[in-house]
Amino acid sequence: MLRQLLMSSKSSVERLYMGPEEIAGWVARLQTGHGIWQGLPSLRELFVDKYSIPINQLAAPNLVHLALERADYAQYFTVRSVLDMLRGCPLLETLLIADCRVHEFSTPDHPPVSLPRLRSIELGEDEVRSGLATHLQFPNNIAVGLRTFFSLGLYDDIPFAVKSTMQHALRRVDIHCITVAAGTPDLENDVGLLARFEGLFGSLEITTLTPYDDGMIWDVLFSPCGVLFSHSPRIENVRELHIVGCHFGGDRMFHHIHAAMPNITSISFFDCKEPHAFALLLQTDHSLPPFPRLERIMVLGPESGLIGMAKARRDCGLPLKTLVVGRGSGQLGHDHLDDYTELGELADNLHTRCPTEILEWGIGNEVLNVWSTADTPGPVSPNEKLAVLG
């Protein structure tokens, strides 16, 4: 009877949710058959979770929101079939495809799909590896989420399909801010990435799930041949760089990053537990320090070496205008300066005990923890928020 109801209302239904229902320990699924997915002229929102559908028969030309999670229908979920489905949805604004087992690697012969109204897209691990996103044309103000993907080969190089997906997003999205956050190792001691892009002078956030004593992930992302600097013409527009929980070796310098992103005006260091962090902003081999337009530095973590760096940049004619030093306790507690008098003389504006809200994200886009570095926890202004992913 339910199937008959769906069939009779196809011409008028605007929102449809499909998923299994547990009844007395059994998982019940509606046997819709193939006919329900054809002829849905009024459908604007479709949400499918843990329910297999034949996407090659989906016909909804006015679809605006589409979310497919664990909706695999093995013989249909290929790159080509997904692209064919999306061609029939020219009005699409939000798209989520995750855990649908799109394993087929795309090839250049797949014609691209233009989605001019798309403003949000999120892909799961298999969908990222399939190269699906490389065949999507979308505006530069889009928000892109690439869920965590793991690879033992990440120590040597990012897999081709994953790298192509990230570079495709970088080429199309205007990035104003980059946040790189190091997380904790997973149980299998593997390495993973979680990337979020927000276009039109928005941000790029990359979480690295890697052992703390490993610095290879920094090279994978920020080396001269890394994913951020290969075929990314808009990377020079970046104005802000936030580094969270990353470890640096003594030979890692910022000069090639300065060459690719010469317009950076603000850098933040959060929980960078070693003295090499501030040394990256100093001169080497008689050259000027990197980032000549750098005006603002925010430090939420160890402060040793901060005075020496600020003094050296001032002596080179590149003084800092603003220094923001956050204070924390417990998990956020670090070694802090006892006296900020000298530091205050090295910058036009010095802010200490600046309250900052820190968000810790999980791999499923859920917020795991919320901290505040203020003495009294509470809401802070939006420009004092820092998202810590991973």
Protein backbone atom coordinates (compact mmCIF):
# COMPACT_ATOMS: atom_id res chain seq x y z
CA MET A 1 0.00 0.00 0.00
CA LEU A 2 2.88 2.37 0.75
CA ARG A 3 4.39 1.71 -2.64
CA GLN A 4 1.03 2.46 -4.24
CA LEU A 5 0.87 5.71 -2.30
CA LEU A 6 4.33 6.70 -3.52
CA MET A 7 3.48 5.87 -7.11
CA SER A 8 0.25 7.86 -7.01
CA SER A 9 1.94 10.94 -5.47
CA LYS A 10 5.06 11.05 -7.65
CA SER A 11 3.94 14.11 -9.56
CA SER A 12 3.50 16.22 -6.40
CA VAL A 13 6.04 14.97 -3.83
CA GLU A 14 8.68 17.62 -3.02
CA ARG A 15 10.72 16.00 -0.23
CA LEU A 16 11.57 12.32 0.07
CA TYR A 17 13.49 10.43 2.76
CA MET A 18 14.44 6.80 2.16
CA GLY A 19 16.00 4.58 4.82
CA PRO A 20 15.59 1.26 6.62
CA GLU A 21 13.41 0.83 9.68
CA GLU A 22 14.13 -1.61 12.50
CA ILE A 23 11.04 -3.51 13.57
CA ALA A 24 11.34 -6.11 16.34
CA GLY A 25 15.01 -6.64 15.54
CA TRP A 26 14.45 -6.96 11.78
CA VAL A 27 15.42 -4.34 9.21
CA ALA A 28 12.44 -3.58 7.04
CA ARG A 29 12.90 -2.10 3.57
CA LEU A 30 10.18 -0.88 1.28
CA GLN A 31 10.29 -2.78 -2.00
CA THR A 32 9.81 0.25 -4.18
CA GLY A 33 10.95 -1.34 -7.41
CA HIS A 34 12.33 0.71 -10.27
CA GLY A 35 9.23 2.67 -11.21
CA ILE A 36 9.26 5.01 -8.21
CA TRP A 37 12.49 6.71 -9.29
CA GLN A 38 11.19 7.87 -12.66
CA GLY A 39 8.97 10.88 -13.24
CA LEU A 40 9.49 13.04 -10.14
CA PRO A 41 8.95 16.55 -11.59
CA SER A 42 8.26 18.27 -8.24
CA LEU A 43 10.96 16.59 -6.15
CA ARG A 44 13.34 19.18 -4.67
CA GLU A 45 14.95 17.34 -1.74
CA LEU A 46 16.05 13.69 -1.67
CA PHE A 47 17.76 12.09 1.32
CA VAL A 48 18.82 8.44 1.15
CA ASP A 49 20.56 6.69 4.05
CA LYS A 50 21.38 2.96 4.15
CA TYR A 51 19.01 2.34 1.28
CA SER A 52 19.99 1.02 -2.14
CA ILE A 53 18.60 2.88 -5.14
CA PRO A 54 19.21 2.52 -8.90
CA ILE A 55 20.51 6.01 -9.61
CA ASN A 56 20.48 5.38 -13.35
CA GLN A 57 16.68 5.57 -13.15
CA LEU A 58 16.43 8.69 -11.00
CA ALA A 59 14.62 11.41 -12.95
CA ALA A 60 14.14 14.61 -10.91
CA PRO A 61 14.97 17.68 -13.03
CA ASN A 62 14.01 20.15 -10.26
CA LEU A 63 16.12 18.51 -7.54
CA VAL A 64 17.90 21.10 -5.35
CA HIS A 65 19.26 19.06 -2.42
CA LEU A 66 20.63 15.53 -2.80
CA ALA A 67 22.19 13.42 -0.05
CA LEU A 68 23.22 9.82 -0.67
CA GLU A 69 24.86 8.01 2.25
CA ARG A 70 25.41 4.26 2.17
CA ALA A 71 23.03 4.18 -0.79
CA ASP A 72 25.15 1.89 -2.94
CA TYR A 73 23.53 -0.15 -5.65
CA ALA A 74 26.70 -1.93 -6.77
CA GLN A 75 25.98 -2.29 -10.48
CA TYR A 76 24.91 1.37 -10.79
CA PHE A 77 27.30 3.41 -8.64
CA THR A 78 30.10 4.10 -11.08
CA VAL A 79 31.64 7.45 -11.94
CA ARG A 80 29.82 7.51 -15.28
CA SER A 81 26.43 6.63 -13.79
CA VAL A 82 26.76 9.30 -11.08
CA LEU A 83 27.72 11.89 -13.68
CA ASP A 84 24.77 10.89 -15.86
CA MET A 85 22.46 11.30 -12.87
CA LEU A 86 23.87 14.75 -12.07
CA ARG A 87 23.36 15.91 -15.64
CA GLY A 88 19.67 15.50 -15.02
CA CYS A 89 19.82 17.80 -11.97
CA PRO A 90 20.85 21.22 -13.36
CA LEU A 91 19.33 23.11 -10.38
CA LEU A 92 21.32 21.23 -7.74
CA GLU A 93 22.61 23.42 -4.88
CA THR A 94 23.85 20.92 -2.29
CA LEU A 95 25.30 17.48 -2.92
CA LEU A 96 26.48 14.79 -0.50
CA ILE A 97 27.70 11.38 -1.67
CA ALA A 98 29.43 9.24 0.95
CA ASP A 99 29.98 5.54 1.56
CA CYS A 100 28.30 4.61 -1.70
CA ARG A 101 31.23 2.46 -2.87
CA VAL A 102 32.03 4.45 -5.99
CA HIS A 103 35.27 2.53 -6.59
CA GLU A 104 35.72 3.03 -10.33
CA PHE A 105 38.56 5.43 -11.13
CA SER A 106 37.47 8.11 -13.57
CA THR A 107 39.14 8.56 -16.93
CA PRO A 108 39.50 11.67 -19.10
CA ASP A 109 36.84 10.43 -21.49
CA HIS A 110 34.09 11.14 -18.95
CA PRO A 111 32.50 14.41 -20.15
CA PRO A 112 32.24 17.06 -17.41
CA VAL A 113 29.01 18.07 -15.72
CA SER A 114 28.25 21.75 -15.14
CA LEU A 115 26.41 22.60 -11.91
CA PRO A 116 26.27 26.42 -11.94
CA ARG A 117 24.06 26.67 -8.84
CA LEU A 118 26.04 24.27 -6.68
CA ARG A 119 27.15 25.88 -3.40
CA SER A 120 28.04 22.86 -1.27
CA ILE A 121 29.51 19.45 -2.06
CA GLU A 122 30.83 16.75 0.25
CA LEU A 123 32.36 13.44 -0.78
CA GLY A 124 33.29 10.36 1.20
CA GLU A 125 36.55 8.44 1.03
CA ASP A 126 35.63 6.16 -1.88
CA GLU A 127 34.11 9.05 -3.81
CA VAL A 128 37.30 11.10 -3.39
CA ARG A 129 39.45 8.21 -4.62
CA SER A 130 37.16 7.66 -7.60
CA GLY A 131 38.08 11.05 -9.07
CA LEU A 132 34.40 11.94 -9.43
CA ALA A 133 34.92 15.58 -8.44
CA THR A 134 37.41 16.20 -11.24
CA HIS A 135 34.51 16.06 -13.73
CA LEU A 136 32.33 18.59 -11.91
CA GLN A 137 32.32 22.24 -12.94
CA PHE A 138 31.10 24.50 -10.13
CA PRO A 139 31.31 28.18 -9.11
CA ASN A 140 34.23 29.59 -7.14
CA ASN A 141 32.15 30.39 -4.04
CA ILE A 142 31.38 26.76 -3.29
CA ALA A 143 32.02 24.89 -0.03
CA VAL A 144 33.79 21.57 -0.62
CA GLY A 145 34.27 18.82 1.95
CA LEU A 146 36.50 15.80 1.37
CA ARG A 147 36.08 13.28 4.17
CA THR A 148 38.99 11.44 5.72
CA PHE A 149 40.88 9.14 3.41
CA PHE A 150 43.72 6.89 4.53
CA SER A 151 46.69 5.62 2.60
CA LEU A 152 49.88 3.87 3.59
CA GLY A 153 51.43 5.37 0.47
CA LEU A 154 50.84 8.88 1.73
CA TYR A 155 54.35 8.93 3.20
CA ASP A 156 55.73 8.87 -0.35
CA ASP A 157 53.03 10.57 -2.37
CA ILE A 158 49.31 11.22 -2.33
CA PRO A 159 47.47 8.76 -4.62
CA PHE A 160 46.90 10.25 -8.05
CA ALA A 161 43.10 10.35 -7.87
CA VAL A 162 43.12 11.98 -4.41
CA LYS A 163 45.69 14.56 -5.44
CA SER A 164 43.76 15.35 -8.62
CA THR A 165 40.56 15.83 -6.62
CA MET A 166 42.20 18.28 -4.21
CA GLN A 167 43.94 20.18 -7.00
CA HIS A 168 40.71 20.41 -8.99
CA ALA A 169 39.03 22.07 -6.02
CA LEU A 170 42.00 24.39 -5.49
CA ARG A 171 41.94 25.48 -9.13
CA ARG A 172 38.26 26.39 -9.00
CA VAL A 173 37.83 27.79 -5.47
CA ASP A 174 39.10 31.16 -4.26
CA ILE A 175 40.97 30.56 -1.01
CA HIS A 176 41.68 33.34 1.46
CA CYS A 177 42.84 31.33 4.47
CA ILE A 178 44.62 27.97 4.96
CA THR A 179 44.43 25.97 8.18
CA VAL A 180 46.59 22.88 8.58
CA ALA A 181 45.84 20.84 11.70
CA ALA A 182 47.68 17.72 12.86
CA GLY A 183 45.54 15.16 14.64
CA THR A 184 46.31 11.98 16.52
CA PRO A 185 47.33 8.65 14.95
CA ASP A 186 44.64 6.10 14.21
CA LEU A 187 44.72 2.59 15.58
CA GLU A 188 46.49 1.18 12.53
CA ASN A 189 49.17 3.87 12.63
CA ASP A 190 48.05 4.99 9.19
CA VAL A 191 47.97 8.51 7.76
CA GLY A 192 44.87 10.32 6.64
CA LEU A 193 43.61 13.69 5.48
CA LEU A 194 40.37 15.56 5.93
CA ALA A 195 40.01 18.67 3.77
CA ARG A 196 37.34 21.35 3.70
CA PHE A 197 37.27 24.22 1.22
CA GLU A 198 35.12 27.32 1.44
CA GLY A 199 35.33 29.48 -1.62
CA LEU A 200 35.12 33.16 -2.57
CA PHE A 201 37.85 34.33 -0.21
CA GLY A 202 36.91 31.63 2.28
CA SER A 203 39.19 29.02 3.78
CA LEU A 204 40.91 25.71 3.17
CA GLU A 205 41.13 23.46 6.23
CA ILE A 206 43.25 20.30 6.17
CA THR A 207 43.40 17.87 9.04
CA THR A 208 46.30 15.45 9.11
CA LEU A 209 45.80 12.30 11.17
CA THR A 210 49.38 11.27 11.72
CA PRO A 211 51.77 10.34 14.54
CA TYR A 212 53.09 13.40 16.31
CA ASP A 213 56.73 12.53 15.64
CA ASP A 214 56.24 12.42 11.89
CA GLY A 215 56.85 15.51 9.77
CA MET A 216 56.34 13.92 6.36
CA ILE A 217 52.76 15.12 6.11
CA TRP A 218 54.01 18.72 6.13
CA ASP A 219 56.23 17.89 3.16
CA VAL A 220 53.36 16.20 1.33
CA LEU A 221 51.27 19.35 1.60
CA PHE A 222 53.80 22.19 1.70
CA SER A 223 56.90 21.02 -0.16
CA PRO A 224 57.57 22.78 -3.49
CA CYS A 225 55.95 19.80 -5.27
CA GLY A 226 53.23 19.33 -2.66
CA VAL A 227 49.53 19.24 -3.33
CA LEU A 228 49.00 22.88 -2.37
CA PHE A 229 51.48 24.23 -4.90
CA SER A 230 50.83 22.06 -7.95
CA HIS A 231 48.52 23.67 -10.50
CA SER A 232 46.91 26.01 -7.96
CA PRO A 233 46.95 29.46 -9.58
CA ARG A 234 44.73 31.05 -6.91
CA ILE A 235 47.07 30.09 -4.08
CA GLU A 236 48.75 33.49 -4.34
CA ASN A 237 45.54 35.10 -3.04
CA VAL A 238 45.96 33.51 0.40
CA ARG A 239 46.15 36.09 3.17
CA GLU A 240 46.10 33.93 6.31
CA LEU A 241 47.92 30.78 7.39
CA HIS A 242 46.99 28.85 10.53
CA ILE A 243 49.20 25.98 11.74
CA VAL A 244 47.75 23.68 14.38
CA GLY A 245 49.64 20.94 16.18
CA CYS A 246 52.22 20.50 13.40
CA HIS A 247 55.84 19.59 14.08
CA PHE A 248 58.73 21.05 12.15
CA GLY A 249 62.22 19.79 11.49
CA GLY A 250 65.11 22.23 11.50
CA ASP A 251 65.44 22.06 7.72
CA ARG A 252 61.85 23.04 6.94
CA MET A 253 61.67 26.64 5.79
CA PHE A 254 58.84 28.94 4.74
CA HIS A 255 60.64 30.57 1.82
CA HIS A 256 59.07 28.45 -0.91
CA ILE A 257 55.68 29.02 0.74
CA HIS A 258 56.41 32.74 0.65
CA ALA A 259 57.19 32.43 -3.06
CA ALA A 260 53.81 30.79 -3.70
CA MET A 261 51.80 32.93 -1.25
CA PRO A 262 53.59 36.30 -1.07
CA ASN A 263 50.52 38.20 0.18
CA ILE A 264 50.14 36.53 3.58
CA THR A 265 49.44 39.12 6.27
CA SER A 266 48.52 36.90 9.23
CA ILE A 267 49.95 33.66 10.66
CA SER A 268 48.70 31.70 13.67
CA PHE A 269 50.53 29.03 15.65
CA PHE A 270 48.43 26.79 17.86
CA ASP A 271 49.93 23.99 19.95
CA CYS A 272 53.20 23.85 17.98
CA LYS A 273 55.36 22.26 20.66
CA GLU A 274 58.87 22.96 19.43
CA PRO A 275 61.16 25.97 18.98
CA HIS A 276 61.51 25.54 15.21
CA ALA A 277 58.08 27.13 14.58
CA PHE A 278 59.11 30.78 15.04
CA ALA A 279 62.47 30.15 13.37
CA LEU A 280 60.57 29.59 10.13
CA LEU A 281 59.86 33.33 10.04
CA LEU A 282 63.52 34.38 10.22
CA GLN A 283 66.01 35.15 7.48
CA THR A 284 68.42 32.57 6.10
CA ASP A 285 71.58 32.94 4.01
CA HIS A 286 71.51 36.76 4.01
CA SER A 287 68.01 36.84 2.52
CA LEU A 288 65.15 38.79 4.05
CA PRO A 289 62.65 36.93 6.23
CA PRO A 290 59.69 35.46 4.35
CA PHE A 291 56.32 37.20 4.08
CA PRO A 292 57.26 40.90 3.88
CA ARG A 293 53.57 41.84 4.27
CA LEU A 294 53.17 39.88 7.49
CA GLU A 295 51.51 42.18 10.04
CA ARG A 296 49.79 39.92 12.55
CA ILE A 297 50.88 36.82 14.47
CA MET A 298 48.68 34.89 16.87
CA VAL A 299 50.19 32.35 19.27
CA LEU A 300 48.11 29.85 21.22
CA GLY A 301 50.76 27.64 22.73
CA PRO A 302 54.46 27.80 23.70
CA GLU A 303 55.86 31.32 23.56
CA SER A 304 59.59 30.57 23.80
CA GLY A 305 61.39 32.15 20.86
CA LEU A 306 58.60 34.63 20.18
CA ILE A 307 60.57 37.65 21.41
CA GLY A 308 63.66 36.72 19.40
CA MET A 309 61.63 36.31 16.22
CA ALA A 310 59.81 39.62 16.65
CA LYS A 311 63.07 41.43 17.38
CA ALA A 312 64.84 39.91 14.36
CA ARG A 313 62.03 40.93 11.99
CA ARG A 314 62.07 44.43 13.41
CA ASP A 315 65.83 44.70 12.89
CA CYS A 316 65.32 43.64 9.25
CA GLY A 317 62.80 46.42 8.70
CA LEU A 318 59.77 44.12 8.85
CA PRO A 319 58.20 44.90 12.24
CA LEU A 320 54.96 43.32 13.35
CA LYS A 321 51.89 45.49 13.86
CA THR A 322 49.83 43.11 15.98
CA LEU A 323 50.70 40.26 18.33
CA VAL A 324 47.93 38.16 19.87
CA VAL A 325 48.92 35.81 22.68
CA GLY A 326 46.23 33.46 23.95
CA ARG A 327 46.31 31.96 27.42
CA GLY A 328 44.96 28.56 28.35
CA SER A 329 44.84 26.12 31.19
CA GLY A 330 44.77 22.35 31.51
CA GLN A 331 45.02 20.79 28.06
CA LEU A 332 45.65 24.22 26.59
CA GLY A 333 48.33 25.17 29.11
CA HIS A 334 51.85 25.82 27.79
CA ASP A 335 55.03 27.62 28.76
CA HIS A 336 54.27 31.34 28.73
CA LEU A 337 56.34 34.48 29.14
CA ASP A 338 56.48 35.92 32.63
CA ASP A 339 56.83 39.51 31.47
CA TYR A 340 55.33 40.92 28.27
CA THR A 341 56.98 44.35 28.57
CA GLU A 342 59.68 43.65 25.99
CA LEU A 343 57.24 41.94 23.66
CA GLY A 344 54.93 44.96 23.87
CA GLU A 345 57.77 47.18 22.63
CA LEU A 346 58.17 45.05 19.49
CA ALA A 347 54.64 45.49 18.14
CA ASP A 348 52.21 48.37 17.80
CA ASN A 349 49.41 46.32 19.36
CA LEU A 350 49.82 43.52 21.89
CA HIS A 351 46.84 41.50 23.10
CA THR A 352 47.35 39.01 25.92
CA ARG A 353 44.86 36.62 27.46
CA CYS A 354 42.83 36.97 24.29
CA PRO A 355 39.80 34.65 24.56
CA THR A 356 39.58 32.17 21.73
CA GLU A 357 37.09 29.40 21.16
CA ILE A 358 38.55 26.15 19.82
CA LEU A 359 36.44 23.52 18.08
CA GLU A 360 37.60 19.93 17.63
CA TRP A 361 35.96 18.18 14.67
CA GLY A 362 35.51 14.47 14.11
CA ILE A 363 35.90 12.64 10.82
CA GLY A 364 32.13 12.57 10.35
CA ASN A 365 31.93 16.38 10.57
CA GLU A 366 30.67 16.28 14.16
CA VAL A 367 32.00 18.64 16.83
CA LEU A 368 33.77 16.53 19.46
CA ASN A 369 34.92 19.19 21.93
CA VAL A 370 34.66 22.94 22.45
CA TRP A 371 37.22 24.83 24.52
CA SER A 372 37.72 28.45 25.44
CA THR A 373 41.10 29.93 26.32
CA ALA A 374 39.40 32.62 28.35
CA ASP A 375 39.54 32.46 32.12
CA THR A 376 35.75 32.24 32.17
CA PRO A 377 34.32 29.95 29.44
CA GLY A 378 31.65 31.55 27.36
CA PRO A 379 30.79 32.84 23.88
CA VAL A 380 33.39 34.88 22.05
CA SER A 381 33.16 37.03 18.97
CA PRO A 382 33.30 35.29 15.55
CA ASN A 383 36.68 36.80 14.66
CA GLU A 384 38.20 35.15 17.75
CA LYS A 385 37.19 31.62 16.79
CA LEU A 386 39.65 29.03 15.56
CA ALA A 387 38.45 25.69 14.20
CA VAL A 388 40.78 22.86 15.12
CA LEU A 389 40.03 19.85 12.95
CA GLY A 390 40.93 16.27 13.65
